[in-house]
Protein backbone atom coordinates (compact mmCIF):
# COMPACT_ATOMS: atom_id res chain seq x y z
CA MET A 1 1.57 -14.01 4.30
CA ILE A 2 0.17 -10.51 5.35
CA SER A 3 -0.83 -8.33 1.87
CA PHE A 4 1.47 -7.02 -0.17
CA TRP A 5 -0.49 -3.51 0.85
CA HIS A 6 0.50 -3.63 4.14
CA GLU A 7 4.24 -5.00 3.73
CA SER A 8 4.53 -1.98 1.25
CA THR A 9 3.49 0.19 3.95
CA LYS A 10 5.53 -0.86 7.38
CA ASP A 11 6.92 2.59 7.80
CA LEU A 12 3.58 3.71 8.14
CA SER A 13 2.01 2.09 10.75
CA VAL A 14 1.51 3.54 13.99
CA SER A 15 1.19 0.90 17.01
CA ARG A 16 -2.00 2.21 19.30
CA ASP A 17 -3.36 1.79 22.95
CA GLU A 18 -4.97 -1.27 23.68
CA LEU A 19 -8.45 -0.85 26.32
CA THR A 20 -8.32 -2.61 29.11
CA THR A 21 -10.46 -0.43 31.41
CA ASN A 22 -14.03 0.88 31.31
CA ILE A 23 -14.58 4.24 29.43
CA ASP A 24 -18.25 6.15 28.90
CA VAL A 25 -18.28 8.28 25.20
CA ASP A 26 -21.05 9.66 23.37
CA ILE A 27 -20.09 7.10 20.08
CA ALA A 28 -18.21 3.68 20.10
CA ILE A 29 -17.12 2.78 16.70
CA VAL A 30 -16.34 -1.39 16.41
CA GLY A 31 -14.07 -2.05 13.68
CA ALA A 32 -11.24 0.57 12.00
CA GLY A 33 -11.63 -0.18 8.71
CA TYR A 34 -12.70 2.52 6.43
CA SER A 35 -16.31 1.99 7.81
CA GLY A 36 -15.74 2.94 10.99
CA LEU A 37 -12.87 5.42 9.62
CA TRP A 38 -15.21 6.92 7.54
CA SER A 39 -18.31 7.28 10.19
CA ALA A 40 -16.08 8.96 12.57
CA TYR A 41 -14.76 11.41 10.38
CA TYR A 42 -17.99 12.65 9.33
CA LEU A 43 -19.65 12.21 12.52
CA LYS A 44 -16.70 14.53 13.75
CA LEU A 45 -17.80 17.02 11.13
CA LEU A 46 -21.15 17.58 12.25
CA ARG A 47 -20.75 17.15 16.07
CA PRO A 48 -17.54 18.55 17.03
CA ASN A 49 -17.63 18.28 20.46
CA ALA A 50 -18.86 14.47 20.58
CA ARG A 51 -16.19 11.98 22.63
CA ILE A 52 -16.26 9.51 19.32
CA VAL A 53 -13.67 6.12 19.99
CA ILE A 54 -13.39 3.72 17.65
CA ILE A 55 -12.15 -0.34 18.68
CA GLU A 56 -10.42 -2.93 16.61
CA ALA A 57 -9.74 -6.08 17.10
CA ASN A 58 -6.20 -5.88 15.89
CA GLN A 59 -4.95 -3.00 13.87
CA VAL A 60 -6.00 -0.01 11.60
CA GLY A 61 -6.90 -1.50 8.37
CA PHE A 62 -6.28 -5.30 9.33
CA GLY A 63 -9.22 -6.23 7.19
CA ALA A 64 -10.12 -6.10 3.96
CA SER A 65 -9.65 -2.19 4.12
CA GLY A 66 -5.65 -3.58 3.97
CA ARG A 67 -6.33 -6.48 1.91
CA ASN A 68 -8.77 -5.31 -1.06
CA GLY A 69 -7.94 -5.18 -4.64
CA GLY A 70 -7.57 -1.42 -4.40
CA TRP A 71 -10.49 -0.26 -6.74
CA CYS A 72 -12.45 2.90 -5.57
CA SER A 73 -15.15 2.57 -7.59
CA GLY A 74 -18.99 3.94 -8.62
CA PHE A 75 -20.61 1.21 -8.92
CA LEU A 76 -22.41 -1.14 -6.84
CA PRO A 77 -23.19 -4.67 -6.09
CA VAL A 78 -26.64 -4.96 -7.00
CA THR A 79 -27.64 -3.47 -10.23
CA LEU A 80 -29.85 -0.69 -11.39
CA GLY A 81 -32.34 -2.93 -12.41
CA GLU A 82 -32.18 -4.86 -9.06
CA LEU A 83 -32.78 -1.47 -7.11
CA SER A 84 -35.11 -0.22 -9.40
CA HIS A 85 -37.57 -3.68 -8.95
CA GLU A 86 -36.61 -3.46 -5.18
CA HIS A 87 -36.98 0.29 -4.31
CA GLY A 88 -38.22 2.25 -7.65
CA ARG A 89 -37.21 3.55 -10.75
CA GLN A 90 -36.33 7.12 -9.12
CA ALA A 91 -34.69 5.28 -6.02
CA ALA A 92 -31.89 3.00 -8.39
CA ILE A 93 -30.73 6.33 -10.05
CA ASN A 94 -30.18 8.69 -7.06
CA MET A 95 -28.38 5.42 -5.57
CA TYR A 96 -25.91 5.65 -8.44
CA HIS A 97 -26.01 9.17 -9.23
CA GLU A 98 -24.49 9.15 -4.96
CA SER A 99 -22.31 6.60 -5.49
CA PHE A 100 -21.06 7.70 -8.72
CA GLN A 101 -20.38 11.38 -7.30
CA THR A 102 -18.75 9.76 -4.32
CA ILE A 103 -15.20 9.47 -6.05
CA ASP A 104 -15.21 13.38 -6.32
CA GLU A 105 -15.79 13.42 -2.83
CA ILE A 106 -13.68 10.90 -1.74
CA GLN A 107 -10.90 12.90 -4.29
CA ARG A 108 -11.32 16.13 -2.08
CA ILE A 109 -11.21 14.31 0.81
CA LEU A 110 -7.60 12.85 0.22
CA GLU A 111 -6.37 16.59 -1.07
CA LEU A 112 -7.95 18.32 1.90
CA GLU A 113 -6.45 16.15 4.70
CA LYS A 114 -3.24 15.21 2.74
CA ILE A 115 -3.72 11.94 2.39
CA ASP A 116 -1.27 9.68 -0.38
CA CYS A 117 -2.69 6.89 -1.60
CA ASP A 118 -1.56 6.52 -5.24
CA PHE A 119 -4.85 7.68 -6.16
CA HIS A 120 -5.13 7.89 -9.43
CA ARG A 121 -8.63 7.62 -11.53
CA GLY A 122 -8.07 5.95 -14.59
CA GLY A 123 -11.80 4.17 -14.73
CA THR A 124 -12.31 0.47 -15.24
CA ILE A 125 -12.71 -1.63 -18.54
CA ASN A 126 -14.89 -4.55 -18.28
CA GLY A 127 -13.66 -6.73 -20.74
CA ALA A 128 -15.51 -10.24 -22.72
CA THR A 129 -13.70 -12.59 -24.16
CA ASN A 130 -16.59 -14.67 -25.58
CA GLN A 131 -19.95 -13.92 -27.17
CA VAL A 132 -21.82 -14.87 -23.78
CA GLN A 133 -19.50 -12.07 -21.87
CA VAL A 134 -19.78 -10.00 -25.32
CA GLN A 135 -23.63 -10.17 -24.62
CA ARG A 136 -23.30 -9.22 -21.26
CA VAL A 137 -21.32 -6.19 -21.23
CA ILE A 138 -23.76 -4.72 -23.82
CA ASN A 139 -26.75 -5.31 -21.77
CA GLU A 140 -24.83 -3.51 -18.88
CA VAL A 141 -24.18 -0.41 -21.11
CA GLU A 142 -28.04 -0.83 -22.13
CA GLU A 143 -29.51 -0.95 -18.90
CA MET A 144 -27.14 1.98 -17.85
CA HIS A 145 -28.33 4.10 -20.62
CA THR A 146 -31.96 2.87 -19.97
CA PHE A 147 -31.62 4.47 -16.84
CA GLY A 148 -30.55 7.84 -17.96
CA PHE A 149 -26.93 7.39 -17.38
CA GLY A 150 -24.92 8.27 -20.93
CA GLU A 151 -22.17 7.50 -22.40
CA ASP A 152 -19.92 9.65 -20.14
CA ASP A 153 -20.87 6.95 -17.35
CA LEU A 154 -20.85 3.62 -19.22
CA ARG A 155 -19.73 3.54 -23.03
CA LEU A 156 -18.84 0.48 -25.09
CA LEU A 157 -15.50 0.06 -26.43
CA SER A 158 -14.53 -1.99 -29.92
CA ALA A 159 -11.85 -4.60 -29.61
CA HIS A 160 -9.41 -2.19 -31.20
CA GLU A 161 -10.77 0.22 -29.10
CA SER A 162 -10.10 -1.83 -26.07
CA ARG A 163 -6.22 -3.05 -26.86
CA GLU A 164 -5.82 0.55 -27.10
CA LYS A 165 -6.31 0.70 -23.46
CA ILE A 166 -4.93 -2.39 -22.60
CA ASN A 167 -3.22 -4.93 -24.87
CA ILE A 168 -4.99 -8.05 -23.94
CA ASP A 169 -5.22 -11.22 -26.59
CA GLY A 170 -8.90 -12.43 -27.16
CA LEU A 171 -10.53 -9.41 -25.84
CA LEU A 172 -13.81 -8.96 -28.53
CA ALA A 173 -14.89 -6.02 -26.85
CA SER A 174 -15.50 -4.17 -23.95
CA SER A 175 -17.39 -1.51 -21.66
CA TYR A 176 -15.58 1.69 -20.32
CA THR A 177 -16.99 3.96 -17.34
CA PRO A 178 -14.68 6.87 -15.95
CA HIS A 179 -16.40 5.91 -12.54
CA CYS A 180 -13.64 3.92 -10.64
CA ALA A 181 -9.97 5.17 -9.49
CA ALA A 182 -6.92 2.84 -8.66
CA ILE A 183 -5.84 3.01 -4.95
CA HIS A 184 -2.74 1.86 -2.17
CA PRO A 185 -5.59 0.52 0.50
CA ALA A 186 -3.19 0.76 3.28
CA LYS A 187 -2.02 4.05 2.77
CA LEU A 188 -5.40 5.35 2.31
CA ALA A 189 -6.62 3.32 5.98
CA TYR A 190 -3.36 4.59 7.44
CA GLY A 191 -4.16 8.05 6.26
CA LEU A 192 -7.79 8.01 7.23
CA ALA A 193 -6.96 6.94 10.93
CA ALA A 194 -4.54 9.66 11.16
CA ALA A 195 -7.12 12.08 10.18
CA VAL A 196 -9.62 11.41 12.76
CA GLU A 197 -7.01 11.61 15.16
CA ARG A 198 -6.57 14.75 14.52
CA LEU A 199 -9.80 15.24 14.66
CA GLY A 200 -9.98 14.39 18.33
CA VAL A 201 -11.27 10.64 17.63
CA LYS A 202 -9.19 8.15 19.73
CA ILE A 203 -8.38 4.95 18.38
CA TYR A 204 -7.70 1.25 20.41
CA GLU A 205 -5.85 -1.47 19.08
CA ASN A 206 -5.70 -4.92 19.55
CA SER A 207 -9.28 -4.81 21.45
CA LYS A 208 -11.32 -7.19 20.83
CA VAL A 209 -15.65 -6.86 21.01
CA SER A 210 -16.81 -10.29 21.74
CA GLU A 211 -21.12 -8.61 22.07
CA ILE A 212 -22.92 -5.34 21.00
CA SER A 213 -26.09 -3.98 22.80
CA ALA A 214 -27.65 -1.16 23.32
CA ARG A 215 -25.64 1.18 25.17
CA THR A 216 -23.03 -1.00 25.63
CA VAL A 217 -19.68 -2.44 23.78
CA THR A 218 -17.93 -5.42 25.61
CA LEU A 219 -14.67 -6.41 26.04
CA GLN A 220 -12.76 -9.29 27.49
CA ASN A 221 -11.33 -6.81 30.03
CA ALA A 222 -13.27 -3.93 29.84
CA LYS A 223 -16.81 -2.33 28.83
CA VAL A 224 -17.61 1.04 26.72
CA ASN A 225 -20.71 2.82 28.00
CA ALA A 226 -22.04 4.89 24.67
CA GLU A 227 -25.07 6.23 23.68
CA ILE A 228 -24.56 5.19 19.83
CA ILE A 229 -22.86 2.47 18.63
CA ILE A 230 -21.75 1.78 15.62
CA ARG A 231 -21.27 -1.64 14.18
CA ALA A 232 -18.42 -1.60 11.54
CA THR A 233 -17.46 -4.98 11.31
CA GLU A 234 -17.71 -6.64 7.96
CA GLY A 235 -15.96 -9.46 7.06
CA PHE A 236 -15.46 -10.20 10.49
CA THR A 237 -18.95 -9.93 11.82
CA SER A 238 -19.53 -13.19 12.48
CA GLN A 239 -17.29 -13.36 14.83
CA ILE A 240 -19.54 -11.28 17.55
CA LYS A 241 -21.74 -12.57 19.20
CA LYS A 242 -25.46 -12.80 18.02
CA HIS A 243 -24.07 -11.46 14.68
CA ARG A 244 -23.38 -15.56 13.33
CA ARG A 245 -25.97 -15.21 10.62
CA THR A 246 -25.76 -11.19 9.87
CA LEU A 247 -23.17 -11.35 7.30
CA ALA A 248 -21.92 -14.62 5.61
CA PRO A 249 -17.59 -14.16 5.35
CA LEU A 250 -16.97 -15.06 1.95
CA TYR A 251 -13.20 -15.13 1.17
CA SER A 252 -11.28 -13.42 -1.67
CA TYR A 253 -7.70 -13.78 -2.64
CA MET A 254 -5.39 -11.80 -4.33
CA VAL A 255 -1.68 -12.38 -5.69
CA ILE A 256 0.35 -9.73 -7.02
CA THR A 257 3.85 -9.68 -9.22
CA GLU A 258 7.16 -7.90 -9.44
CA PRO A 259 7.57 -4.60 -11.60
CA LEU A 260 7.43 -4.88 -15.15
CA THR A 261 9.76 -3.80 -16.92
CA THR A 262 9.04 -0.55 -19.35
CA SER A 263 9.63 -3.01 -22.44
CA GLN A 264 7.28 -5.18 -20.38
CA HIS A 265 4.95 -2.09 -19.77
CA LYS A 266 5.07 -0.70 -23.02
CA GLU A 267 4.13 -4.27 -24.55
CA ILE A 268 1.13 -4.44 -22.24
CA GLY A 269 0.03 -0.73 -22.69
CA TRP A 270 -2.04 0.38 -19.87
CA GLN A 271 -0.95 3.82 -19.33
CA ASN A 272 -3.60 5.32 -17.53
CA ARG A 273 -3.95 2.44 -14.77
CA GLU A 274 -7.18 1.69 -15.34
CA THR A 275 -8.75 -1.23 -12.99
CA TYR A 276 -10.04 -4.31 -15.37
CA HIS A 277 -12.13 -7.19 -14.51
CA ASP A 278 -14.65 -9.00 -17.66
CA SER A 279 -17.86 -10.66 -17.16
CA ARG A 280 -17.21 -13.99 -16.25
CA ASN A 281 -19.36 -14.99 -13.53
CA MET A 282 -16.24 -16.28 -11.04
CA ILE A 283 -15.38 -12.84 -10.70
CA ILE A 284 -11.74 -11.35 -11.06
CA TYR A 285 -10.53 -7.96 -10.47
CA VAL A 286 -7.13 -6.09 -11.51
CA GLN A 287 -4.89 -3.10 -11.08
CA ILE A 288 -1.81 -1.78 -11.71
CA THR A 289 -0.23 -0.24 -9.09
CA LYS A 290 1.71 3.06 -9.30
CA ASP A 291 5.02 1.10 -9.34
CA GLY A 292 3.66 -0.89 -12.30
CA ARG A 293 2.92 -4.00 -9.92
CA ILE A 294 -0.04 -6.29 -11.67
CA ALA A 295 -2.15 -7.25 -8.49
CA PHE A 296 -5.17 -9.43 -9.51
CA GLY A 297 -6.98 -10.79 -7.70
CA GLY A 298 -10.38 -13.41 -7.53
CA ARG A 299 -13.92 -14.84 -5.53
CA GLY A 300 -14.22 -18.41 -5.71
CA ALA A 301 -13.27 -19.63 -2.18
CA PRO A 302 -14.82 -22.17 -0.47
CA TYR A 303 -16.88 -20.64 2.79
CA HIS A 304 -16.28 -22.63 6.16
CA PHE A 305 -18.96 -23.73 8.19
CA ALA A 306 -20.16 -21.95 10.76
CA SER A 307 -18.82 -18.76 9.32
CA ARG A 308 -15.39 -19.19 10.94
CA VAL A 309 -12.86 -16.69 10.04
CA LYS A 310 -9.57 -17.85 10.96
CA PRO A 311 -5.57 -17.01 9.80
CA LYS A 312 -5.22 -19.74 8.41
CA TYR A 313 -7.54 -19.10 5.56
CA ASP A 314 -5.97 -16.09 4.70
CA THR A 315 -4.48 -18.28 2.34
CA HIS A 316 -5.06 -21.04 0.02
CA SER A 317 -2.55 -22.65 -2.07
CA VAL A 318 -5.01 -23.85 -4.28
CA ILE A 319 -6.91 -20.70 -5.20
CA HIS A 320 -4.29 -18.84 -5.24
CA GLN A 321 -2.21 -21.09 -8.06
CA ARG A 322 -5.62 -20.92 -9.64
CA ILE A 323 -5.64 -17.33 -9.49
CA ILE A 324 -2.35 -16.64 -11.05
CA ASN A 325 -3.35 -19.27 -13.99
CA SER A 326 -6.33 -16.68 -14.42
CA MET A 327 -3.64 -13.91 -14.39
CA HIS A 328 -1.66 -15.93 -17.03
CA GLN A 329 -4.57 -16.50 -19.03
CA VAL A 330 -5.34 -12.85 -19.32
CA PHE A 331 -2.11 -11.36 -18.98
CA PRO A 332 0.68 -14.48 -20.72
CA ILE A 333 3.33 -11.14 -20.16
CA THR A 334 3.47 -12.31 -16.58
CA LYS A 335 4.63 -15.59 -16.81
CA GLN A 336 8.37 -13.73 -16.96
CA LEU A 337 7.48 -12.07 -13.57
CA GLU A 338 7.60 -13.68 -10.52
CA VAL A 339 4.85 -13.61 -7.91
CA THR A 340 6.04 -11.76 -5.12
CA HIS A 341 3.07 -11.71 -2.48
CA CYS A 342 -0.12 -14.03 -2.06
CA TRP A 343 -3.35 -13.51 0.36
CA GLY A 344 -6.70 -13.17 1.03
CA GLY A 345 -9.70 -11.96 3.59
CA PRO A 346 -13.11 -12.11 4.10
CA LEU A 347 -15.73 -10.13 3.07
CA GLY A 348 -18.83 -9.30 4.53
CA VAL A 349 -21.70 -10.49 2.65
CA PRO A 350 -25.36 -10.06 3.62
CA ARG A 351 -28.42 -12.45 2.43
CA ASN A 352 -29.66 -10.40 0.14
CA TRP A 353 -26.66 -9.09 -1.52
CA HIS A 354 -27.80 -5.30 -0.80
CA PRO A 355 -25.35 -3.17 1.24
CA SER A 356 -27.09 -1.29 4.26
CA VAL A 357 -26.80 1.27 6.49
CA ASN A 358 -29.14 0.80 9.63
CA TYR A 359 -29.75 3.38 12.91
CA ASP A 360 -31.95 2.95 15.73
CA ALA A 361 -32.58 6.19 17.69
CA VAL A 362 -34.15 4.36 20.57
CA THR A 363 -31.38 1.57 21.39
CA GLY A 364 -28.66 3.65 19.31
CA LEU A 365 -27.32 0.85 17.57
CA ALA A 366 -25.67 1.40 14.14
CA SER A 367 -24.03 -0.30 11.09
CA LEU A 368 -23.18 -0.37 8.02
CA GLY A 369 -21.62 -2.87 5.28
CA GLY A 370 -22.63 -5.54 3.24
CA TYR A 371 -20.79 -4.18 0.12
CA VAL A 372 -19.47 -7.75 -1.35
CA GLY A 373 -16.29 -6.52 -2.05
CA ASN A 374 -16.97 -3.15 -3.64
CA GLY A 375 -16.48 -1.64 -0.28
CA VAL A 376 -13.81 0.83 -0.86
CA ALA A 377 -15.69 3.49 -2.26
CA SER A 378 -19.41 2.51 -0.83
CA THR A 379 -17.81 2.62 2.55
CA ASN A 380 -17.40 6.80 2.22
CA LEU A 381 -20.84 7.43 0.98
CA ALA A 382 -22.49 4.60 3.55
CA ALA A 383 -20.53 6.78 6.34
CA ARG A 384 -21.72 10.10 5.37
CA THR A 385 -25.60 8.34 4.67
CA LEU A 386 -25.22 6.81 8.67
CA ALA A 387 -23.49 10.42 9.87
CA HIS A 388 -26.75 12.36 9.09
CA LEU A 389 -29.21 9.28 9.75
CA ILE A 390 -27.37 10.32 13.69
CA ASN A 391 -27.74 13.14 13.21
CA ASN A 392 -31.59 13.61 12.56
CA ASP A 393 -31.12 16.45 9.68
CA HIS A 394 -33.08 14.84 7.20
CA HIS A 395 -30.34 15.36 4.55
CA PRO A 396 -31.34 13.88 1.05
CA LEU A 397 -28.76 10.89 1.89
CA THR A 398 -30.89 9.58 4.17
CA SER A 399 -33.30 8.52 1.67
CA LEU A 400 -31.36 6.60 0.12
CA ALA A 401 -32.43 3.09 -1.14
CA TRP A 402 -30.06 1.34 1.75
CA ALA A 403 -30.95 3.86 4.82
CA ASN A 404 -32.39 1.13 6.62
CA HIS A 405 -32.92 -1.34 4.44
CA PRO A 406 -33.32 -4.93 6.56
CA SER A 407 -31.87 -8.15 5.30
CA ARG A 408 -32.62 -11.44 6.45
CA LYS A 409 -30.07 -13.44 8.65
CA TRP A 410 -28.23 -16.52 6.58
CA GLU A 411 -30.17 -19.92 7.07
CA VAL A 412 -28.80 -21.71 9.64
CA GLU A 413 -25.85 -24.61 9.48
CA PRO A 414 -25.56 -26.68 7.68
CA LEU A 415 -27.84 -25.47 4.93
CA ARG A 416 -25.71 -21.93 5.23
CA TYR A 417 -23.11 -24.16 4.26
CA LEU A 418 -24.10 -26.11 1.43
CA GLY A 419 -25.79 -22.99 0.01
CA VAL A 420 -23.17 -20.47 0.07
CA ASN A 421 -20.72 -23.54 -1.58
CA GLY A 422 -23.30 -24.49 -3.80
CA LEU A 423 -23.66 -21.05 -5.27
CA LEU A 424 -19.90 -21.01 -6.10
CA LYS A 425 -19.71 -24.35 -7.69
CA LEU A 426 -22.69 -23.19 -9.67
CA SER A 427 -20.48 -19.55 -11.07
CA ALA A 428 -17.89 -21.74 -11.87
CA GLY A 429 -19.92 -24.31 -13.97
CA MET A 430 -21.20 -21.63 -15.86
CA ASP A 431 -17.89 -19.73 -16.92
CA LYS A 432 -16.94 -22.96 -18.07
CA HIS A 433 -20.62 -23.92 -19.98
CA GLU A 434 -20.17 -20.61 -21.59
CA SER A 435 -16.41 -21.09 -22.66
CA LEU A 436 -17.50 -24.27 -24.29
CA LYS A 437 -20.44 -24.04 -25.64
CA GLY A 438 -20.22 -20.46 -26.55
CA SER A 439 -23.60 -20.20 -24.90
CA PRO A 440 -25.50 -18.92 -21.68
CA ASP A 441 -25.80 -21.64 -18.92
CA ARG A 442 -29.48 -20.73 -18.43
CA LEU A 443 -30.03 -23.89 -15.95
CA ARG A 444 -27.54 -23.19 -13.40
CA SER A 445 -28.40 -19.44 -14.10
CA LYS A 446 -32.61 -19.45 -13.14
CA VAL A 447 -31.03 -22.04 -9.83
CA LEU A 448 -28.52 -19.31 -9.16
CA ASP A 449 -31.42 -16.68 -9.64
CA LEU A 450 -33.52 -18.73 -7.39
CA PHE A 451 -30.60 -18.54 -4.43
CA LEU A 452 -30.45 -15.19 -4.58
CA ASN A 453 -33.72 -13.96 -4.35
């Protein structure tokens, strides 16, 4: 089943040409998701006369850009503490400051380009339903404040304040940040595509790239010669020759309900469209759509041997049922609602779980990605960073911690298969332990830390 986002925007999709002949351009971008589209947008602003093409194996927004949870969040998959440990305190602060500001930048472009993607800046609530999660929420807020960010960036809510925003049974405490907006993912992808085409960028669809090398992109029936080539393939990176171990494709799944009735919506509260998650180890992510549907996603799907990505993996009856069960637990009222769509797709995960933006002026090869599921807003900041790296204009963004930040390749099989799936089982086991015992699972946590480092 295709995502609700795609299903609900069929009238907005546009059929584009397939690339079947050799071409010469200045900049070739592989991938027509957010990373590729934002890169084309900002490069075209910096270099209006550049010949830029985007080459997409399927259709615009086919991957995570058209399947994600619709969180346009300023938070990153690496914490301030992790960034500080690796890059220094000021670098960590700079990275988060720019990431928070990115929500403003995206809103500015949406208004400028007249892109209607149901953007609503309601912020994010991070809930806690047991004492271990409460401490985790407190620690996150304290860390944020330790780095100089204030209550306006992240603050604790009491159980009463939490339930005033969203009426969730068993919510002991939560934190709130304004640095997030809810969006309709496919509408954003289609709107960005139209915007870059108005700027003169050519998008080719149904044009699968098999190999990327210095100055050349190779397809089955064509070649593209370009001075600069940008790989923006995220969860599908493993499908490109010589990139099997660059990013691991980890699947994430979602469900969405029919719209809440007026009385149901009143019972649950949730009037400001805040996105919601809680502090369990196995991530969940939730939003309420403009028309009152609950979109609920979660991780925990098995990694497929040799980084395989196949259409049949886009649905998983067992995982989808677990997500529905979690949704019923968090929002009992959803038991009264029909689940209308179930879907999934791969995320791009680097070995160090640290997104990066890379450019080698000698080879002309560039890449951006590894967002670990936090890419809706990060793609914009990454694209701006990359555009300035390519332009060699010494813009402040080019000194951010992720600029030309290396990540080692994933282990060879079967170590990769055993390690990634072991990691997923560890996370699930930690959640079970915390729920039953009411205390941290220190043993599994230490093993998890060893794997991620």
